[in-house]
Amino acid sequence: MEYTFDQLKGMTVAQMREIASGLEHEAVKGYTQLNKEHLLEALCKALDVDTHTRHKSKVTGKDKTKIKAQMRTLKVKRDAALEAHDHAQLKAVRRELHALRRTLRKAAAGAAK
């Protein structure tokens, strides 16, 4: 059976040892003496499972394309304020950009949970 890193990580040590008992690989030698962390590494090596997982950033509850479009227009305003040396306008635009970035991050973090 094919396993993913997340599936193996969610298993108990007993379940992982049961899988290791059916494998003939140098990495799982002495599997009965390994703790969960080391057993997980050994199983991943023996089963050729990728140990790097990527976080899927999905934004829920917010219109990401609309927010990104707002950010693009604000960046143009920011550049114009820099050219004009308008520090008050520059500060206002930067704060608004910051707020939009945080909105996206919070929405993405909420989706990951």
C-alpha atoms as a PDB file:
ATOM      1  CA  MET A   1       0.000   0.000   0.000  1.00  0.00           C
ATOM      2  CA  GLU A   2       1.173   3.535  -0.778  1.00  0.00           C
ATOM      3  CA  TYR A   3       1.524   5.864   2.199  1.00  0.00           C
ATOM      4  CA  THR A   4       1.987   9.594   2.432  1.00  0.00           C
ATOM      5  CA  PHE A   5       4.099  11.386   5.006  1.00  0.00           C
ATOM      6  CA  ASP A   6       1.004  12.794   6.711  1.00  0.00           C
ATOM      7  CA  GLN A   7      -0.605   9.338   6.935  1.00  0.00           C
ATOM      8  CA  LEU A   8       2.513   7.841   8.494  1.00  0.00           C
ATOM      9  CA  LYS A   9       2.886  10.740  10.895  1.00  0.00           C
ATOM     10  CA  GLY A  10      -0.698  10.275  12.085  1.00  0.00           C
ATOM     11  CA  MET A  11      -0.177   6.607  12.917  1.00  0.00           C
ATOM     12  CA  THR A  12       0.706   5.202  16.293  1.00  0.00           C
ATOM     13  CA  VAL A  13       4.096   3.622  16.938  1.00  0.00           C
ATOM     14  CA  ALA A  14       2.474   0.165  17.005  1.00  0.00           C
ATOM     15  CA  GLN A  15       0.927   0.698  13.575  1.00  0.00           C
ATOM     16  CA  MET A  16       4.220   1.960  12.192  1.00  0.00           C
ATOM     17  CA  ARG A  17       6.088  -1.028  13.635  1.00  0.00           C
ATOM     18  CA  GLU A  18       3.566  -3.358  12.025  1.00  0.00           C
ATOM     19  CA  ILE A  19       4.312  -1.799   8.638  1.00  0.00           C
ATOM     20  CA  ALA A  20       8.051  -1.997   9.293  1.00  0.00           C
ATOM     21  CA  SER A  21       7.808  -5.695  10.152  1.00  0.00           C
ATOM     22  CA  GLY A  22       6.723  -6.453   6.600  1.00  0.00           C
ATOM     23  CA  LEU A  23       9.600  -4.557   5.008  1.00  0.00           C
ATOM     24  CA  GLU A  24      13.027  -5.851   4.108  1.00  0.00           C
ATOM     25  CA  HIS A  25      15.095  -2.675   4.012  1.00  0.00           C
ATOM     26  CA  GLU A  26      18.278  -1.588   5.750  1.00  0.00           C
ATOM     27  CA  ALA A  27      16.616   1.578   7.104  1.00  0.00           C
ATOM     28  CA  VAL A  28      14.071  -0.352   9.187  1.00  0.00           C
ATOM     29  CA  LYS A  29      16.506  -2.767  10.799  1.00  0.00           C
ATOM     30  CA  GLY A  30      15.890  -2.744  14.536  1.00  0.00           C
ATOM     31  CA  TYR A  31      12.487  -1.118  14.127  1.00  0.00           C
ATOM     32  CA  THR A  32      11.320  -2.468  17.499  1.00  0.00           C
ATOM     33  CA  GLN A  33      13.853  -0.258  19.278  1.00  0.00           C
ATOM     34  CA  LEU A  34      13.077   2.965  17.381  1.00  0.00           C
ATOM     35  CA  ASN A  35      10.933   5.755  18.754  1.00  0.00           C
ATOM     36  CA  LYS A  36       8.237   7.349  16.606  1.00  0.00           C
ATOM     37  CA  GLU A  37      10.408  10.110  15.179  1.00  0.00           C
ATOM     38  CA  HIS A  38      13.199   7.776  14.070  1.00  0.00           C
ATOM     39  CA  LEU A  39      10.745   5.120  12.903  1.00  0.00           C
ATOM     40  CA  LEU A  40       8.957   7.708  10.767  1.00  0.00           C
ATOM     41  CA  GLU A  41      12.238   8.683   9.095  1.00  0.00           C
ATOM     42  CA  ALA A  42      13.157   5.024   8.528  1.00  0.00           C
ATOM     43  CA  LEU A  43       9.774   4.169   7.039  1.00  0.00           C
ATOM     44  CA  CYS A  44       9.894   7.169   4.735  1.00  0.00           C
ATOM     45  CA  LYS A  45      13.310   6.096   3.527  1.00  0.00           C
ATOM     46  CA  ALA A  46      12.276   2.454   3.081  1.00  0.00           C
ATOM     47  CA  LEU A  47       8.995   3.289   1.320  1.00  0.00           C
ATOM     48  CA  ASP A  48      10.529   6.146  -0.690  1.00  0.00           C
ATOM     49  CA  VAL A  49       8.043   8.672   0.699  1.00  0.00           C
ATOM     50  CA  ASP A  50       8.775  12.378   0.316  1.00  0.00           C
ATOM     51  CA  THR A  51       9.186  13.918   3.767  1.00  0.00           C
ATOM     52  CA  HIS A  52       8.652  17.482   2.600  1.00  0.00           C
ATOM     53  CA  THR A  53       5.050  18.581   2.634  1.00  0.00           C
ATOM     54  CA  ARG A  54       3.861  21.838   1.205  1.00  0.00           C
ATOM     55  CA  HIS A  55       1.257  23.980   2.811  1.00  0.00           C
ATOM     56  CA  LYS A  56      -1.617  24.665   0.546  1.00  0.00           C
ATOM     57  CA  SER A  57      -2.519  28.297   0.859  1.00  0.00           C
ATOM     58  CA  LYS A  58      -6.209  28.604   0.259  1.00  0.00           C
ATOM     59  CA  VAL A  59      -7.968  31.794   1.146  1.00  0.00           C
ATOM     60  CA  THR A  60     -11.496  31.258   2.379  1.00  0.00           C
ATOM     61  CA  GLY A  61     -14.127  33.850   3.046  1.00  0.00           C
ATOM     62  CA  LYS A  62     -12.301  36.578   1.095  1.00  0.00           C
ATOM     63  CA  ASP A  63     -12.175  37.473  -2.581  1.00  0.00           C
ATOM     64  CA  LYS A  64      -8.457  37.068  -3.162  1.00  0.00           C
ATOM     65  CA  THR A  65      -8.469  38.439  -6.714  1.00  0.00           C
ATOM     66  CA  LYS A  66     -10.295  41.588  -5.619  1.00  0.00           C
ATOM     67  CA  ILE A  67      -7.852  42.169  -2.762  1.00  0.00           C
ATOM     68  CA  LYS A  68      -4.865  41.589  -5.065  1.00  0.00           C
ATOM     69  CA  ALA A  69      -6.282  44.121  -7.545  1.00  0.00           C
ATOM     70  CA  GLN A  70      -6.618  46.664  -4.720  1.00  0.00           C
ATOM     71  CA  MET A  71      -3.034  45.990  -3.747  1.00  0.00           C
ATOM     72  CA  ARG A  72      -1.821  46.604  -7.314  1.00  0.00           C
ATOM     73  CA  THR A  73      -3.563  49.992  -7.456  1.00  0.00           C
ATOM     74  CA  LEU A  74      -2.170  50.902  -4.046  1.00  0.00           C
ATOM     75  CA  LYS A  75       1.334  50.054  -5.214  1.00  0.00           C
ATOM     76  CA  VAL A  76       0.929  52.501  -8.097  1.00  0.00           C
ATOM     77  CA  LYS A  77      -0.233  55.149  -5.595  1.00  0.00           C
ATOM     78  CA  ARG A  78       2.722  54.307  -3.365  1.00  0.00           C
ATOM     79  CA  ASP A  79       5.182  54.812  -6.213  1.00  0.00           C
ATOM     80  CA  ALA A  80       3.532  58.130  -7.087  1.00  0.00           C
ATOM     81  CA  ALA A  81       3.747  59.281  -3.463  1.00  0.00           C
ATOM     82  CA  LEU A  82       7.434  58.346  -3.376  1.00  0.00           C
ATOM     83  CA  GLU A  83       8.105  60.383  -6.514  1.00  0.00           C
ATOM     84  CA  ALA A  84       6.177  63.367  -5.137  1.00  0.00           C
ATOM     85  CA  HIS A  85       7.840  63.091  -1.701  1.00  0.00           C
ATOM     86  CA  ASP A  86       4.375  63.088  -0.117  1.00  0.00           C
ATOM     87  CA  HIS A  87       5.142  61.373   3.176  1.00  0.00           C
ATOM     88  CA  ALA A  88       1.616  61.587   4.561  1.00  0.00           C
ATOM     89  CA  GLN A  89       0.132  59.912   1.483  1.00  0.00           C
ATOM     90  CA  LEU A  90       2.958  57.367   1.457  1.00  0.00           C
ATOM     91  CA  LYS A  91       2.273  56.400   5.055  1.00  0.00           C
ATOM     92  CA  ALA A  92      -1.461  56.038   4.432  1.00  0.00           C
ATOM     93  CA  VAL A  93      -0.910  53.829   1.382  1.00  0.00           C
ATOM     94  CA  ARG A  94       1.624  51.641   3.186  1.00  0.00           C
ATOM     95  CA  ARG A  95      -0.755  51.136   6.116  1.00  0.00           C
ATOM     96  CA  GLU A  96      -3.541  50.135   3.747  1.00  0.00           C
ATOM     97  CA  LEU A  97      -1.242  47.688   1.935  1.00  0.00           C
ATOM     98  CA  HIS A  98      -0.207  46.247   5.271  1.00  0.00           C
ATOM     99  CA  ALA A  99      -3.836  45.760   6.282  1.00  0.00           C
ATOM    100  CA  LEU A 100      -4.658  43.989   3.010  1.00  0.00           C
ATOM    101  CA  ARG A 101      -1.642  41.667   3.338  1.00  0.00           C
ATOM    102  CA  ARG A 102      -2.680  40.760   6.872  1.00  0.00           C
ATOM    103  CA  THR A 103      -6.222  40.079   5.676  1.00  0.00           C
ATOM    104  CA  LEU A 104      -4.909  37.588   3.122  1.00  0.00           C
ATOM    105  CA  ARG A 105      -2.575  35.929   5.636  1.00  0.00           C
ATOM    106  CA  LYS A 106      -5.291  35.563   8.243  1.00  0.00           C
ATOM    107  CA  ALA A 107      -7.698  34.081   5.704  1.00  0.00           C
ATOM    108  CA  ALA A 108      -5.024  31.632   4.496  1.00  0.00           C
ATOM    109  CA  ALA A 109      -4.099  30.645   8.058  1.00  0.00           C
ATOM    110  CA  GLY A 110      -7.759  30.079   8.905  1.00  0.00           C
ATOM    111  CA  ALA A 111      -8.128  27.773   5.906  1.00  0.00           C
ATOM    112  CA  ALA A 112      -5.075  25.728   6.927  1.00  0.00           C
ATOM    113  CA  LYS A 113      -6.553  24.830  10.315  1.00  0.00           C
END
